[in-house]
C-alpha cells in the first residue's frame, strides 16, 4: 500500500507513532503533531514489511475467524501456510506449514488452536532470548508471562514481572529481540530516561530503528 493512500491522524498530546488498521481495513498512522509528513513517510517505509505482514493477516478478519487451509501468516520474518487437519493433537510446524489439529472444522476451535500456537511460539522465542542475556538480568527476573496485550508489545513491573504480547512471533526476529531486551533493561531503569536508552544501546546498538514501532494492529 502506497504512503499516499495512508490516513494520518495527528494529536498534540500524542508522544509516539503507531500504526493501526481500521474496521474497514485501512492503515492509519497516529502521530504527534510535530511530525512532518516527510518524517512519517520515512518511518512508514522503514517499517513497511512488518506493517504489511500484519495488514495482510488481519485485514477484514479482526477476529481471526477466517483462518483456514491455504491462509498465509507472517512468522519470525518468514511465512507459514496454514493447514487444517481433523485430528487429535497439538499444532505442528513442518516444511513452512502451520498444521492446526482440531477435532472438527469449527471456526472457534481453529481460532483457539491458532492462539495456542501464538502463545507457545512467542513463549519459546522470549525465553530463549532471556536465557541468552541471563548473565546480565537473570537475578532480577521474577516471572515471565505471555498474553494478549491490546496495544503493547511488552511490559515490566518494579517487582521483576515481565509480560509479552503473544503476537510477537508474527514479527521479525530483530524486532522480537528488541522488545525482549527493551523490557529486560527496565529491570534496571523503570523509565525511559537517558540512562535507560544508553543501557539498551549497549545490547541493541541500532535500537532507534525499532523504537517507533508500537502495537501496529490488534484484534
C-alpha atoms as a PDB file:
ATOM      1  CA  UNK A   1       0.000   0.000   0.000  1.00  0.00           C
ATOM      2  CA  UNK A   2       1.452   3.371  -1.042  1.00  0.00           C
ATOM      3  CA  UNK A   3       2.038   6.100   1.529  1.00  0.00           C
ATOM      4  CA  UNK A   4      -0.318   8.484  -0.288  1.00  0.00           C
ATOM      5  CA  UNK A   5      -3.167   6.066   0.495  1.00  0.00           C
ATOM      6  CA  UNK A   6      -2.461   6.049   4.244  1.00  0.00           C
ATOM      7  CA  UNK A   7      -4.633   8.091   6.604  1.00  0.00           C
ATOM      8  CA  UNK A   8      -2.643  10.276   9.015  1.00  0.00           C
ATOM      9  CA  UNK A   9      -4.100  11.406  12.339  1.00  0.00           C
ATOM     10  CA  UNK A  10      -2.098  13.884  14.416  1.00  0.00           C
ATOM     11  CA  UNK A  11      -2.636  14.830  18.040  1.00  0.00           C
ATOM     12  CA  UNK A  12      -0.681  17.352  20.095  1.00  0.00           C
ATOM     13  CA  UNK A  13      -0.944  15.109  23.172  1.00  0.00           C
ATOM     14  CA  UNK A  14       0.417  12.006  21.455  1.00  0.00           C
ATOM     15  CA  UNK A  15       4.056  11.106  22.194  1.00  0.00           C
ATOM     16  CA  UNK A  16       4.626   8.077  19.961  1.00  0.00           C
ATOM     17  CA  UNK A  17       3.894   6.994  16.407  1.00  0.00           C
ATOM     18  CA  UNK A  18       1.601   3.994  15.979  1.00  0.00           C
ATOM     19  CA  UNK A  19       0.219   2.069  13.013  1.00  0.00           C
ATOM     20  CA  UNK A  20      -3.312   0.710  13.221  1.00  0.00           C
ATOM     21  CA  UNK A  21      -5.879  -0.895  10.940  1.00  0.00           C
ATOM     22  CA  UNK A  22      -9.429   0.417  10.953  1.00  0.00           C
ATOM     23  CA  UNK A  23     -12.540  -1.750  10.962  1.00  0.00           C
ATOM     24  CA  UNK A  24     -12.727  -1.084   7.206  1.00  0.00           C
ATOM     25  CA  UNK A  25      -9.216  -2.430   6.609  1.00  0.00           C
ATOM     26  CA  UNK A  26      -7.487   0.953   6.158  1.00  0.00           C
ATOM     27  CA  UNK A  27      -3.991   1.591   7.552  1.00  0.00           C
ATOM     28  CA  UNK A  28      -3.883   4.599   9.888  1.00  0.00           C
ATOM     29  CA  UNK A  29      -0.787   6.379  11.182  1.00  0.00           C
ATOM     30  CA  UNK A  30      -1.322   8.130  14.511  1.00  0.00           C
ATOM     31  CA  UNK A  31       1.428  10.618  15.301  1.00  0.00           C
ATOM     32  CA  UNK A  32       2.410  13.626  17.435  1.00  0.00           C
ATOM     33  CA  UNK A  33       1.507  16.996  15.948  1.00  0.00           C
ATOM     34  CA  UNK A  34       5.192  17.876  15.440  1.00  0.00           C
ATOM     35  CA  UNK A  35       5.852  15.008  12.985  1.00  0.00           C
ATOM     36  CA  UNK A  36       6.168  16.142   9.398  1.00  0.00           C
ATOM     37  CA  UNK A  37       4.670  14.196   6.518  1.00  0.00           C
ATOM     38  CA  UNK A  38       8.188  13.595   5.193  1.00  0.00           C
ATOM     39  CA  UNK A  39       9.285  12.063   8.507  1.00  0.00           C
ATOM     40  CA  UNK A  40       6.163   9.861   8.728  1.00  0.00           C
ATOM     41  CA  UNK A  41       6.761   8.633   5.193  1.00  0.00           C
ATOM     42  CA  UNK A  42      10.328   7.699   6.193  1.00  0.00           C
ATOM     43  CA  UNK A  43       9.097   5.754   9.280  1.00  0.00           C
ATOM     44  CA  UNK A  44       6.410   4.034   7.192  1.00  0.00           C
ATOM     45  CA  UNK A  45       8.893   2.954   4.528  1.00  0.00           C
ATOM     46  CA  UNK A  46      11.397   1.707   7.132  1.00  0.00           C
ATOM     47  CA  UNK A  47       8.736  -0.477   8.757  1.00  0.00           C
ATOM     48  CA  UNK A  48       6.792  -1.317   5.603  1.00  0.00           C
ATOM     49  CA  UNK A  49       7.392  -5.075   5.626  1.00  0.00           C
ATOM     50  CA  UNK A  50       6.248  -5.661   9.204  1.00  0.00           C
ATOM     51  CA  UNK A  51       3.221  -3.363   8.776  1.00  0.00           C
ATOM     52  CA  UNK A  52       2.086  -5.060   5.579  1.00  0.00           C
ATOM     53  CA  UNK A  53       2.627  -8.550   7.046  1.00  0.00           C
ATOM     54  CA  UNK A  54       0.190  -7.818   9.831  1.00  0.00           C
ATOM     55  CA  UNK A  55      -2.122  -5.918   7.484  1.00  0.00           C
ATOM     56  CA  UNK A  56      -2.383  -8.972   5.244  1.00  0.00           C
ATOM     57  CA  UNK A  57      -3.011 -11.205   8.243  1.00  0.00           C
ATOM     58  CA  UNK A  58      -5.722  -9.136   9.846  1.00  0.00           C
ATOM     59  CA  UNK A  59      -7.484  -7.022   7.223  1.00  0.00           C
ATOM     60  CA  UNK A  60     -11.187  -7.817   7.175  1.00  0.00           C
ATOM     61  CA  UNK A  61     -10.508 -10.557   9.715  1.00  0.00           C
ATOM     62  CA  UNK A  62     -10.025  -8.893  13.076  1.00  0.00           C
ATOM     63  CA  UNK A  63     -11.491 -11.865  14.967  1.00  0.00           C
ATOM     64  CA  UNK A  64      -9.310 -14.447  13.209  1.00  0.00           C
ATOM     65  CA  UNK A  65     -12.432 -16.302  12.119  1.00  0.00           C
ATOM     66  CA  UNK A  66     -11.324 -16.768   8.503  1.00  0.00           C
ATOM     67  CA  UNK A  67      -8.219 -18.802   9.261  1.00  0.00           C
ATOM     68  CA  UNK A  68      -8.283 -21.865   7.049  1.00  0.00           C
ATOM     69  CA  UNK A  69      -6.137 -24.110   4.890  1.00  0.00           C
ATOM     70  CA  UNK A  70      -4.036 -22.074   2.462  1.00  0.00           C
ATOM     71  CA  UNK A  71      -4.086 -18.914   4.601  1.00  0.00           C
ATOM     72  CA  UNK A  72      -0.579 -17.409   4.924  1.00  0.00           C
ATOM     73  CA  UNK A  73       0.678 -15.834   8.139  1.00  0.00           C
ATOM     74  CA  UNK A  74       3.923 -13.981   8.953  1.00  0.00           C
ATOM     75  CA  UNK A  75       6.280 -15.885  11.255  1.00  0.00           C
ATOM     76  CA  UNK A  76       9.604 -14.621  12.612  1.00  0.00           C
ATOM     77  CA  UNK A  77      10.332 -12.694   9.431  1.00  0.00           C
ATOM     78  CA  UNK A  78       9.212 -15.510   7.162  1.00  0.00           C
ATOM     79  CA  UNK A  79       5.861 -17.055   6.342  1.00  0.00           C
ATOM     80  CA  UNK A  80       3.836 -20.133   7.230  1.00  0.00           C
ATOM     81  CA  UNK A  81       0.897 -21.576   5.310  1.00  0.00           C
ATOM     82  CA  UNK A  82      -1.927 -22.879   7.468  1.00  0.00           C
ATOM     83  CA  UNK A  83      -3.232 -26.415   7.044  1.00  0.00           C
ATOM     84  CA  UNK A  84      -6.291 -27.538   9.000  1.00  0.00           C
ATOM     85  CA  UNK A  85      -6.402 -31.229   9.908  1.00  0.00           C
ATOM     86  CA  UNK A  86      -9.257 -33.047  11.582  1.00  0.00           C
ATOM     87  CA  UNK A  87      -7.143 -34.923  14.080  1.00  0.00           C
ATOM     88  CA  UNK A  88      -6.165 -35.071  17.718  1.00  0.00           C
ATOM     89  CA  UNK A  89      -3.014 -33.423  18.932  1.00  0.00           C
ATOM     90  CA  UNK A  90      -1.252 -30.106  19.157  1.00  0.00           C
ATOM     91  CA  UNK A  91      -0.240 -27.762  16.358  1.00  0.00           C
ATOM     92  CA  UNK A  92       2.802 -28.642  14.227  1.00  0.00           C
ATOM     93  CA  UNK A  93       5.293 -26.586  12.206  1.00  0.00           C
ATOM     94  CA  UNK A  94       6.662 -28.565   9.283  1.00  0.00           C
ATOM     95  CA  UNK A  95       8.022 -27.563   5.860  1.00  0.00           C
ATOM     96  CA  UNK A  96       6.865 -23.951   6.213  1.00  0.00           C
ATOM     97  CA  UNK A  97       3.386 -25.123   7.164  1.00  0.00           C
ATOM     98  CA  UNK A  98       1.477 -24.465  10.361  1.00  0.00           C
ATOM     99  CA  UNK A  99      -0.666 -27.554  10.894  1.00  0.00           C
ATOM    100  CA  UNK A 100      -3.593 -26.964  13.240  1.00  0.00           C
ATOM    101  CA  UNK A 101      -5.080 -30.212  14.519  1.00  0.00           C
ATOM    102  CA  UNK A 102      -8.693 -29.773  15.584  1.00  0.00           C
ATOM    103  CA  UNK A 103     -11.453 -32.212  16.499  1.00  0.00           C
ATOM    104  CA  UNK A 104     -13.771 -30.774  13.858  1.00  0.00           C
ATOM    105  CA  UNK A 105     -13.743 -27.948  11.323  1.00  0.00           C
ATOM    106  CA  UNK A 106     -15.089 -25.282  13.652  1.00  0.00           C
ATOM    107  CA  UNK A 107     -14.028 -21.631  13.381  1.00  0.00           C
ATOM    108  CA  UNK A 108     -13.766 -21.120  17.120  1.00  0.00           C
ATOM    109  CA  UNK A 109     -11.716 -24.293  17.603  1.00  0.00           C
ATOM    110  CA  UNK A 110      -9.369 -23.164  14.829  1.00  0.00           C
ATOM    111  CA  UNK A 111      -9.061 -19.734  16.431  1.00  0.00           C
ATOM    112  CA  UNK A 112      -8.276 -21.273  19.842  1.00  0.00           C
ATOM    113  CA  UNK A 113      -5.632 -23.543  18.327  1.00  0.00           C
ATOM    114  CA  UNK A 114      -4.087 -20.604  16.491  1.00  0.00           C
ATOM    115  CA  UNK A 115      -3.869 -18.562  19.691  1.00  0.00           C
ATOM    116  CA  UNK A 116      -2.306 -21.589  21.382  1.00  0.00           C
ATOM    117  CA  UNK A 117       0.328 -21.526  18.627  1.00  0.00           C
ATOM    118  CA  UNK A 118       0.927 -17.779  19.131  1.00  0.00           C
ATOM    119  CA  UNK A 119       1.265 -18.115  22.888  1.00  0.00           C
ATOM    120  CA  UNK A 120       3.538 -21.155  22.759  1.00  0.00           C
ATOM    121  CA  UNK A 121       5.873 -19.997  19.989  1.00  0.00           C
ATOM    122  CA  UNK A 122       6.202 -16.492  21.417  1.00  0.00           C
ATOM    123  CA  UNK A 123       6.973 -18.048  24.797  1.00  0.00           C
ATOM    124  CA  UNK A 124       9.763 -20.178  23.292  1.00  0.00           C
ATOM    125  CA  UNK A 125      11.278 -17.201  21.470  1.00  0.00           C
ATOM    126  CA  UNK A 126      11.092 -14.926  24.507  1.00  0.00           C
ATOM    127  CA  UNK A 127      12.591 -17.453  26.922  1.00  0.00           C
ATOM    128  CA  UNK A 128      15.427 -18.283  24.523  1.00  0.00           C
ATOM    129  CA  UNK A 129      16.356 -14.590  24.392  1.00  0.00           C
ATOM    130  CA  UNK A 130      16.037 -14.202  28.167  1.00  0.00           C
ATOM    131  CA  UNK A 131      18.413 -17.152  28.574  1.00  0.00           C
ATOM    132  CA  UNK A 132      20.820 -15.516  26.118  1.00  0.00           C
ATOM    133  CA  UNK A 133      21.032 -12.418  28.330  1.00  0.00           C
ATOM    134  CA  UNK A 134      20.760 -14.267  31.661  1.00  0.00           C
ATOM    135  CA  UNK A 135      24.260 -13.225  32.809  1.00  0.00           C
ATOM    136  CA  UNK A 136      23.059  -9.630  32.957  1.00  0.00           C
ATOM    137  CA  UNK A 137      19.428  -9.880  34.054  1.00  0.00           C
ATOM    138  CA  UNK A 138      18.547 -13.301  35.493  1.00  0.00           C
ATOM    139  CA  UNK A 139      18.746 -12.360  39.183  1.00  0.00           C
ATOM    140  CA  UNK A 140      16.237  -9.555  38.627  1.00  0.00           C
ATOM    141  CA  UNK A 141      13.529 -11.564  36.825  1.00  0.00           C
ATOM    142  CA  UNK A 142      10.617 -12.735  38.977  1.00  0.00           C
ATOM    143  CA  UNK A 143       8.164 -14.089  36.395  1.00  0.00           C
ATOM    144  CA  UNK A 144       7.510 -14.142  32.644  1.00  0.00           C
ATOM    145  CA  UNK A 145       4.009 -14.233  31.130  1.00  0.00           C
ATOM    146  CA  UNK A 146       2.888 -14.448  27.518  1.00  0.00           C
ATOM    147  CA  UNK A 147      -0.560 -12.984  26.992  1.00  0.00           C
ATOM    148  CA  UNK A 148      -2.777 -10.765  24.899  1.00  0.00           C
ATOM    149  CA  UNK A 149      -1.965  -7.078  25.296  1.00  0.00           C
ATOM    150  CA  UNK A 150      -4.132  -4.732  23.291  1.00  0.00           C
ATOM    151  CA  UNK A 151      -1.592  -2.006  22.456  1.00  0.00           C
ATOM    152  CA  UNK A 152       1.686  -3.123  23.984  1.00  0.00           C
ATOM    153  CA  UNK A 153       4.407  -5.451  22.827  1.00  0.00           C
ATOM    154  CA  UNK A 154       5.667  -5.935  26.360  1.00  0.00           C
ATOM    155  CA  UNK A 155       5.753  -4.535  29.885  1.00  0.00           C
ATOM    156  CA  UNK A 156       7.853  -4.785  33.046  1.00  0.00           C
ATOM    157  CA  UNK A 157       6.865  -4.198  36.668  1.00  0.00           C
ATOM    158  CA  UNK A 158       9.024  -2.996  39.551  1.00  0.00           C
ATOM    159  CA  UNK A 159       8.706  -6.496  41.020  1.00  0.00           C
ATOM    160  CA  UNK A 160      10.503  -8.034  38.064  1.00  0.00           C
ATOM    161  CA  UNK A 161       7.418  -9.396  36.304  1.00  0.00           C
ATOM    162  CA  UNK A 162       7.756  -9.385  32.514  1.00  0.00           C
ATOM    163  CA  UNK A 163       4.749  -9.584  30.178  1.00  0.00           C
ATOM    164  CA  UNK A 164       4.958 -10.088  26.432  1.00  0.00           C
ATOM    165  CA  UNK A 165       2.292  -9.932  23.744  1.00  0.00           C
ATOM    166  CA  UNK A 166       1.724 -13.280  22.060  1.00  0.00           C
ATOM    167  CA  UNK A 167       1.560 -11.543  18.666  1.00  0.00           C
ATOM    168  CA  UNK A 168       5.336 -11.024  18.842  1.00  0.00           C
ATOM    169  CA  UNK A 169       6.004 -14.260  16.963  1.00  0.00           C
ATOM    170  CA  UNK A 170       4.368 -12.674  13.891  1.00  0.00           C
ATOM    171  CA  UNK A 171       7.131 -10.081  13.752  1.00  0.00           C
ATOM    172  CA  UNK A 172      10.713 -10.245  12.508  1.00  0.00           C
ATOM    173  CA  UNK A 173      13.453 -11.800  14.652  1.00  0.00           C
ATOM    174  CA  UNK A 174      15.262  -8.494  15.137  1.00  0.00           C
ATOM    175  CA  UNK A 175      12.129  -6.788  16.420  1.00  0.00           C
ATOM    176  CA  UNK A 176      11.375  -9.646  18.842  1.00  0.00           C
ATOM    177  CA  UNK A 177      14.894  -9.284  20.237  1.00  0.00           C
ATOM    178  CA  UNK A 178      14.430  -5.524  20.582  1.00  0.00           C
ATOM    179  CA  UNK A 179      11.192  -5.905  22.575  1.00  0.00           C
ATOM    180  CA  UNK A 180      12.618  -8.547  24.922  1.00  0.00           C
ATOM    181  CA  UNK A 181      15.824  -6.627  25.622  1.00  0.00           C
ATOM    182  CA  UNK A 182      13.843  -3.386  25.984  1.00  0.00           C
ATOM    183  CA  UNK A 183      11.793  -4.917  28.813  1.00  0.00           C
ATOM    184  CA  UNK A 184      14.855  -6.544  30.379  1.00  0.00           C
ATOM    185  CA  UNK A 185      16.525  -3.140  30.558  1.00  0.00           C
ATOM    186  CA  UNK A 186      13.553  -1.858  32.539  1.00  0.00           C
ATOM    187  CA  UNK A 187      14.638  -4.220  35.313  1.00  0.00           C
ATOM    188  CA  UNK A 188      17.421  -1.679  35.921  1.00  0.00           C
ATOM    189  CA  UNK A 189      15.764   1.514  34.706  1.00  0.00           C
ATOM    190  CA  UNK A 190      11.982   1.707  35.213  1.00  0.00           C
ATOM    191  CA  UNK A 191      11.574   4.691  32.904  1.00  0.00           C
ATOM    192  CA  UNK A 192      12.690   5.954  29.511  1.00  0.00           C
ATOM    193  CA  UNK A 193      15.466   8.199  30.785  1.00  0.00           C
ATOM    194  CA  UNK A 194      18.763   8.745  29.002  1.00  0.00           C
ATOM    195  CA  UNK A 195      20.252   6.052  31.272  1.00  0.00           C
ATOM    196  CA  UNK A 196      17.671   3.567  30.006  1.00  0.00           C
ATOM    197  CA  UNK A 197      18.366   4.257  26.332  1.00  0.00           C
ATOM    198  CA  UNK A 198      22.122   4.135  26.939  1.00  0.00           C
ATOM    199  CA  UNK A 199      21.750   0.721  28.582  1.00  0.00           C
ATOM    200  CA  UNK A 200      19.559  -0.545  25.752  1.00  0.00           C
ATOM    201  CA  UNK A 201      22.067   0.691  23.186  1.00  0.00           C
ATOM    202  CA  UNK A 202      24.764  -1.470  24.784  1.00  0.00           C
ATOM    203  CA  UNK A 203      22.768  -4.542  23.744  1.00  0.00           C
ATOM    204  CA  UNK A 204      20.898  -3.215  20.670  1.00  0.00           C
ATOM    205  CA  UNK A 205      23.109  -0.562  19.006  1.00  0.00           C
ATOM    206  CA  UNK A 206      20.522   0.163  16.279  1.00  0.00           C
ATOM    207  CA  UNK A 207      17.542   0.290  18.676  1.00  0.00           C
ATOM    208  CA  UNK A 208      16.294   3.580  17.204  1.00  0.00           C
ATOM    209  CA  UNK A 209      15.043   1.856  14.064  1.00  0.00           C
ATOM    210  CA  UNK A 210      12.600  -0.149  16.218  1.00  0.00           C
ATOM    211  CA  UNK A 211      11.697   2.480  18.787  1.00  0.00           C
ATOM    212  CA  UNK A 212       8.689   3.925  16.966  1.00  0.00           C
ATOM    213  CA  UNK A 213       7.031   0.606  16.100  1.00  0.00           C
ATOM    214  CA  UNK A 214       4.220   0.285  18.587  1.00  0.00           C
ATOM    215  CA  UNK A 215       1.457  -2.318  18.575  1.00  0.00           C
ATOM    216  CA  UNK A 216       0.512  -1.811  14.908  1.00  0.00           C
ATOM    217  CA  UNK A 217      -2.759  -3.722  14.749  1.00  0.00           C
ATOM    218  CA  UNK A 218      -4.773  -5.732  17.194  1.00  0.00           C
ATOM    219  CA  UNK A 219      -7.897  -7.934  17.172  1.00  0.00           C
END
